C-alpha atoms as a PDB file:
ATOM      1  CA  MET A   1      11.473 -26.593  -4.946  1.00  0.00           C
ATOM      2  CA  LYS A   2       9.452 -29.319  -5.155  1.00  0.00           C
ATOM      3  CA  LYS A   3       7.123 -29.496  -8.581  1.00  0.00           C
ATOM      4  CA  TYR A   4       4.446 -31.647 -10.440  1.00  0.00           C
ATOM      5  CA  ALA A   5       3.352 -32.376 -14.013  1.00  0.00           C
ATOM      6  CA  VAL A   6       0.598 -30.649 -15.318  1.00  0.00           C
ATOM      7  CA  ARG A   7      -0.407 -31.476 -19.044  1.00  0.00           C
ATOM      8  CA  ASN A   8      -1.747 -29.018 -21.842  1.00  0.00           C
ATOM      9  CA  ILE A   9      -4.437 -31.096 -23.368  1.00  0.00           C
ATOM     10  CA  ARG A  10      -4.533 -28.925 -26.358  1.00  0.00           C
ATOM     11  CA  LEU A  11      -0.646 -29.870 -26.940  1.00  0.00           C
ATOM     12  CA  CYS A  12      -0.738 -33.309 -26.396  1.00  0.00           C
ATOM     13  CA  THR A  13      -0.679 -35.274 -29.673  1.00  0.00           C
ATOM     14  CA  LYS A  14      -1.737 -38.460 -27.391  1.00  0.00           C
ATOM     15  CA  ASP A  15       2.027 -40.311 -28.643  1.00  0.00           C
ATOM     16  CA  CYS A  16       1.405 -41.381 -24.457  1.00  0.00           C
ATOM     17  CA  LEU A  17       5.797 -41.710 -24.136  1.00  0.00           C
ATOM     18  CA  CYS A  18       4.879 -40.341 -20.641  1.00  0.00           C
ATOM     19  CA  LEU A  19       3.057 -43.595 -19.763  1.00  0.00           C
ATOM     20  CA  PHE A  20       5.992 -45.426 -19.852  1.00  0.00           C
ATOM     21  CA  VAL A  21       8.284 -43.412 -17.930  1.00  0.00           C
ATOM     22  CA  CYS A  22       6.107 -42.605 -15.452  1.00  0.00           C
ATOM     23  CA  PRO A  23       7.542 -44.451 -12.077  1.00  0.00           C
ATOM     24  CA  THR A  24       4.306 -43.482 -10.360  1.00  0.00           C
ATOM     25  CA  GLY A  25       1.571 -43.837 -13.133  1.00  0.00           C
ATOM     26  CA  ALA A  26       0.525 -40.575 -12.430  1.00  0.00           C
ATOM     27  CA  ALA A  27       0.279 -39.658 -16.024  1.00  0.00           C
ATOM     28  CA  ASP A  28      -1.884 -42.958 -17.174  1.00  0.00           C
ATOM     29  CA  THR A  29      -5.209 -41.289 -16.351  1.00  0.00           C
ATOM     30  CA  GLU A  30      -8.913 -41.442 -18.337  1.00  0.00           C
ATOM     31  CA  ASN A  31      -9.032 -37.680 -18.581  1.00  0.00           C
ATOM     32  CA  SER A  32      -5.642 -36.834 -19.705  1.00  0.00           C
ATOM     33  CA  ILE A  33      -5.148 -34.667 -16.076  1.00  0.00           C
ATOM     34  CA  ILE A  34      -1.798 -36.011 -14.581  1.00  0.00           C
ATOM     35  CA  ASP A  35      -2.670 -37.299 -10.274  1.00  0.00           C
ATOM     36  CA  ARG A  36      -0.707 -34.515  -8.614  1.00  0.00           C
ATOM     37  CA  THR A  37      -1.429 -36.872  -5.855  1.00  0.00           C
ATOM     38  CA  LYS A  38       0.658 -39.678  -7.066  1.00  0.00           C
ATOM     39  CA  CYS A  39       3.438 -36.856  -9.166  1.00  0.00           C
ATOM     40  CA  ILE A  40       6.696 -37.066  -6.850  1.00  0.00           C
ATOM     41  CA  GLY A  41       7.824 -34.506  -9.548  1.00  0.00           C
ATOM     42  CA  CYS A  42      10.983 -36.364 -11.159  1.00  0.00           C
ATOM     43  CA  GLY A  43      10.443 -34.881 -14.550  1.00  0.00           C
ATOM     44  CA  ALA A  44      10.400 -37.926 -16.548  1.00  0.00           C
ATOM     45  CA  CYS A  45       7.070 -37.465 -18.178  1.00  0.00           C
ATOM     46  CA  ALA A  46       7.993 -33.462 -19.280  1.00  0.00           C
ATOM     47  CA  GLU A  47      11.326 -34.863 -20.804  1.00  0.00           C
ATOM     48  CA  SER A  48       9.750 -37.920 -22.490  1.00  0.00           C
ATOM     49  CA  CYS A  49       7.004 -35.505 -24.201  1.00  0.00           C
ATOM     50  CA  PRO A  50       7.559 -35.196 -27.827  1.00  0.00           C
ATOM     51  CA  SER A  51       5.165 -32.707 -28.310  1.00  0.00           C
ATOM     52  CA  GLY A  52       6.169 -30.852 -25.347  1.00  0.00           C
ATOM     53  CA  ALA A  53       2.449 -30.805 -24.085  1.00  0.00           C
ATOM     54  CA  ILE A  54       3.895 -31.280 -20.073  1.00  0.00           C
ATOM     55  CA  SER A  55       5.413 -28.812 -18.170  1.00  0.00           C
ATOM     56  CA  MET A  56       6.743 -29.100 -14.267  1.00  0.00           C
ATOM     57  CA  VAL A  57       5.285 -26.176 -12.675  1.00  0.00           C
ATOM     58  CA  PRO A  58       5.949 -25.125  -8.588  1.00  0.00           C
ATOM     59  CA  LEU A  59       3.851 -27.034  -5.549  1.00  0.00           C
ATOM     60  CA  ALA A  60       3.727 -23.038  -3.857  1.00  0.00           C
ATOM     61  CA  TYR A  61       4.341 -20.010  -5.682  1.00  0.00           C
ATOM     62  CA  PRO A  62       6.491 -16.834  -4.001  1.00  0.00           C
ATOM     63  CA  ALA A  63       4.386 -13.902  -3.210  1.00  0.00           C
ATOM     64  CA  GLN A  64       3.658 -11.441  -5.432  1.00  0.00           C
ATOM     65  CA  GLN A  65       5.765  -8.240  -5.590  1.00  0.00           C
ATOM     66  CA  VAL A  66       3.806  -5.226  -4.147  1.00  0.00           C
ATOM     67  CA  LYS A  67       2.613  -2.842  -6.676  1.00  0.00           C
ATOM     68  CA  ASP A  68       1.479   0.775  -5.859  1.00  0.00           C
ATOM     69  CA  PRO A  69      -2.276   1.219  -6.370  1.00  0.00           C
ATOM     70  CA  ALA A  70      -1.880   4.106  -8.728  1.00  0.00           C
ATOM     71  CA  VAL A  71       0.460   1.259 -11.174  1.00  0.00           C
ATOM     72  CA  ILE A  72      -2.145  -1.136 -11.195  1.00  0.00           C
ATOM     73  CA  THR A  73      -5.068   1.372 -12.148  1.00  0.00           C
ATOM     74  CA  VAL A  74      -2.534   2.687 -15.184  1.00  0.00           C
ATOM     75  CA  LEU A  75      -1.854  -1.145 -16.339  1.00  0.00           C
ATOM     76  CA  ASP A  76      -6.050  -1.727 -16.248  1.00  0.00           C
ATOM     77  CA  ARG A  77      -7.001   1.427 -18.438  1.00  0.00           C
ATOM     78  CA  LEU A  78      -4.308   0.116 -20.921  1.00  0.00           C
ATOM     79  CA  SER A  79      -5.309  -3.374 -20.591  1.00  0.00           C
ATOM     80  CA  ALA A  80      -8.799  -2.156 -21.332  1.00  0.00           C
ATOM     81  CA  SER A  81      -7.502  -0.034 -24.411  1.00  0.00           C
ATOM     82  CA  LYS A  82      -5.675  -3.154 -25.779  1.00  0.00           C
ATOM     83  CA  ALA A  83      -9.174  -5.107 -25.651  1.00  0.00           C
ATOM     84  CA  VAL A  84     -10.777  -2.319 -27.200  1.00  0.00           C
ATOM     85  CA  GLN A  85      -8.032  -2.198 -30.120  1.00  0.00           C
ATOM     86  CA  GLU A  86      -7.728  -5.966 -30.657  1.00  0.00           C
ATOM     87  CA  LYS A  87     -11.751  -6.205 -30.968  1.00  0.00           C
ATOM     88  CA  MET A  88     -11.784  -3.302 -33.593  1.00  0.00           C
ATOM     89  CA  ALA A  89      -8.839  -5.126 -35.651  1.00  0.00           C
ATOM     90  CA  LEU A  90     -10.647  -7.936 -35.657  1.00  0.00           C
ATOM     91  CA  GLN A  91     -13.935  -6.197 -36.781  1.00  0.00           C
ATOM     92  CA  ILE A  92     -11.886  -4.607 -39.596  1.00  0.00           C
ATOM     93  CA  ALA A  93     -10.806  -7.789 -40.533  1.00  0.00           C
ATOM     94  CA  GLU A  94     -13.806  -9.300 -40.818  1.00  0.00           C
ATOM     95  CA  GLN A  95     -14.974  -6.513 -43.217  1.00  0.00           C
ATOM     96  CA  SER A  96     -11.821  -6.340 -45.129  1.00  0.00           C
ATOM     97  CA  PRO A  97     -12.333  -7.094 -48.661  1.00  0.00           C
ATOM     98  CA  SER A  98      -9.053  -8.008 -49.633  1.00  0.00           C
ATOM     99  CA  ASP A  99      -7.038 -10.971 -48.218  1.00  0.00           C
ATOM    100  CA  SER A 100      -3.713  -9.097 -47.388  1.00  0.00           C
ATOM    101  CA  LEU A 101      -5.839  -6.601 -45.004  1.00  0.00           C
ATOM    102  CA  TYR A 102      -7.802  -9.314 -43.331  1.00  0.00           C
ATOM    103  CA  ARG A 103      -4.137 -11.021 -42.650  1.00  0.00           C
ATOM    104  CA  LEU A 104      -2.882  -7.983 -41.523  1.00  0.00           C
ATOM    105  CA  MET A 105      -5.816  -7.112 -39.062  1.00  0.00           C
ATOM    106  CA  LYS A 106      -5.309 -10.677 -37.584  1.00  0.00           C
ATOM    107  CA  ALA A 107      -2.131  -9.777 -37.069  1.00  0.00           C
ATOM    108  CA  ILE A 108      -2.798  -6.618 -35.184  1.00  0.00           C
ATOM    109  CA  ALA A 109      -5.678  -8.134 -33.220  1.00  0.00           C
ATOM    110  CA  GLY A 110      -3.277 -10.921 -31.706  1.00  0.00           C
ATOM    111  CA  SER A 111      -0.287  -8.622 -31.115  1.00  0.00           C
ATOM    112  CA  GLU A 112      -2.830  -6.423 -29.062  1.00  0.00           C
ATOM    113  CA  ARG A 113      -3.861  -9.721 -26.909  1.00  0.00           C
ATOM    114  CA  LEU A 114      -0.322 -10.613 -26.502  1.00  0.00           C
ATOM    115  CA  LEU A 115       0.579  -6.868 -25.071  1.00  0.00           C
ATOM    116  CA  GLU A 116      -3.029  -7.039 -23.022  1.00  0.00           C
ATOM    117  CA  ALA A 117      -2.134 -10.409 -21.868  1.00  0.00           C
ATOM    118  CA  ASP A 118       1.617  -8.707 -20.796  1.00  0.00           C
ATOM    119  CA  LEU A 119      -0.102  -5.876 -19.108  1.00  0.00           C
ATOM    120  CA  LEU A 120      -2.769  -8.270 -16.920  1.00  0.00           C
ATOM    121  CA  ARG A 121      -0.192 -10.369 -15.975  1.00  0.00           C
ATOM    122  CA  GLU A 122       2.251  -6.940 -14.889  1.00  0.00           C
ATOM    123  CA  ALA A 123      -1.049  -6.038 -12.964  1.00  0.00           C
ATOM    124  CA  GLY A 124      -1.106  -9.703 -11.049  1.00  0.00           C
ATOM    125  CA  TYR A 125      -4.334 -10.679 -12.158  1.00  0.00           C
ATOM    126  CA  MET A 126      -2.747 -13.841 -14.253  1.00  0.00           C
ATOM    127  CA  LEU A 127      -0.628 -14.634 -11.557  1.00  0.00           C
ATOM    128  CA  PRO A 128      -1.951 -17.546  -9.352  1.00  0.00           C
ATOM    129  CA  GLN A 129      -0.728 -16.477  -6.093  1.00  0.00           C
ATOM    130  CA  SER A 130      -2.072 -12.819  -6.563  1.00  0.00           C
ATOM    131  CA  GLU A 131      -4.578 -10.893  -4.321  1.00  0.00           C
ATOM    132  CA  GLU A 132      -5.893  -9.460  -7.680  1.00  0.00           C
ATOM    133  CA  VAL A 133      -6.777 -13.011  -8.439  1.00  0.00           C
ATOM    134  CA  HIS A 134      -8.176 -14.029  -5.392  1.00  0.00           C
ATOM    135  CA  THR A 135     -10.439 -11.195  -4.993  1.00  0.00           C
ATOM    136  CA  LEU A 136     -11.534 -12.053  -8.990  1.00  0.00           C
ATOM    137  CA  LEU A 137     -12.458 -15.541  -8.233  1.00  0.00           C
ATOM    138  CA  LYS A 138     -14.354 -14.831  -5.099  1.00  0.00           C
ATOM    139  CA  GLN A 139     -16.321 -11.595  -7.053  1.00  0.00           C
ATOM    140  CA  LEU A 140     -17.510 -14.104  -9.953  1.00  0.00           C
ATOM    141  CA  PRO A 141     -20.152 -15.458  -8.580  1.00  0.00           C
ATOM    142  CA  GLU A 142     -21.803 -12.455  -8.158  1.00  0.00           C
ATOM    143  CA  GLU A 143     -21.201 -11.144 -11.286  1.00  0.00           C
ATOM    144  CA  TYR A 144     -22.105 -14.549 -13.277  1.00  0.00           C
ATOM    145  CA  PRO A 145     -24.814 -16.454 -11.225  1.00  0.00           C
ATOM    146  CA  GLY A 146     -24.685 -18.986 -13.362  1.00  0.00           C
ATOM    147  CA  LEU A 147     -21.017 -20.304 -12.635  1.00  0.00           C
ATOM    148  CA  PRO A 148     -20.777 -23.236 -10.407  1.00  0.00           C
ATOM    149  CA  LYS A 149     -19.287 -21.910  -6.909  1.00  0.00           C
ATOM    150  CA  GLU A 150     -18.080 -24.998  -5.964  1.00  0.00           C
ATOM    151  CA  ILE A 151     -15.953 -25.300  -9.004  1.00  0.00           C
ATOM    152  CA  LEU A 152     -14.423 -21.561  -7.786  1.00  0.00           C
ATOM    153  CA  LYS A 153     -14.471 -22.758  -4.082  1.00  0.00           C
ATOM    154  CA  GLN A 154     -11.930 -25.843  -5.158  1.00  0.00           C
ATOM    155  CA  LEU A 155      -9.939 -23.232  -7.353  1.00  0.00           C
ATOM    156  CA  LEU A 156      -9.615 -21.130  -4.102  1.00  0.00           C
ATOM    157  CA  ASP A 157      -8.912 -23.555  -1.725  1.00  0.00           C
ATOM    158  CA  LEU A 158      -5.941 -24.689  -4.743  1.00  0.00           C
ATOM    159  CA  LEU A 159      -4.444 -21.692  -4.813  1.00  0.00           C
ATOM    160  CA  GLY A 160      -4.516 -21.639  -0.829  1.00  0.00           C
ATOM    161  CA  ARG A 161      -6.709 -18.879  -0.235  1.00  0.00           C
END
């Protein structure tokens, strides 16, 4: 499976070992984004990165497993419930009189967020190859008119639709 390198800028500590090991210079960019057109997928940059900020991702993803619409509906409801629970935990944390209650509520909020992300991923919303993602990206300009339509179109093109 052909892959290319992607840098997570939040994890990057700017140690820049990737610049020295990349045989094509794909990692040497001003905006810290690895140049996909130059990347040959050797993985040298990912192996040398001390902060683990570089990952190898496939050029093409396999088709998503088909799910029954009733299952997706249940997953949607569960993820919405988790979002409400996360919000409630954060509200309690902000109003908490003690540090221990604050930390407990923040931990519960984080746990609810993880569960929500898992449910959304299982429903297909976080998989770039899923139809749900493509439908969502196509509907975003209607719901949020201020979003740059050309960027959304580029993203859809990158995802192959």
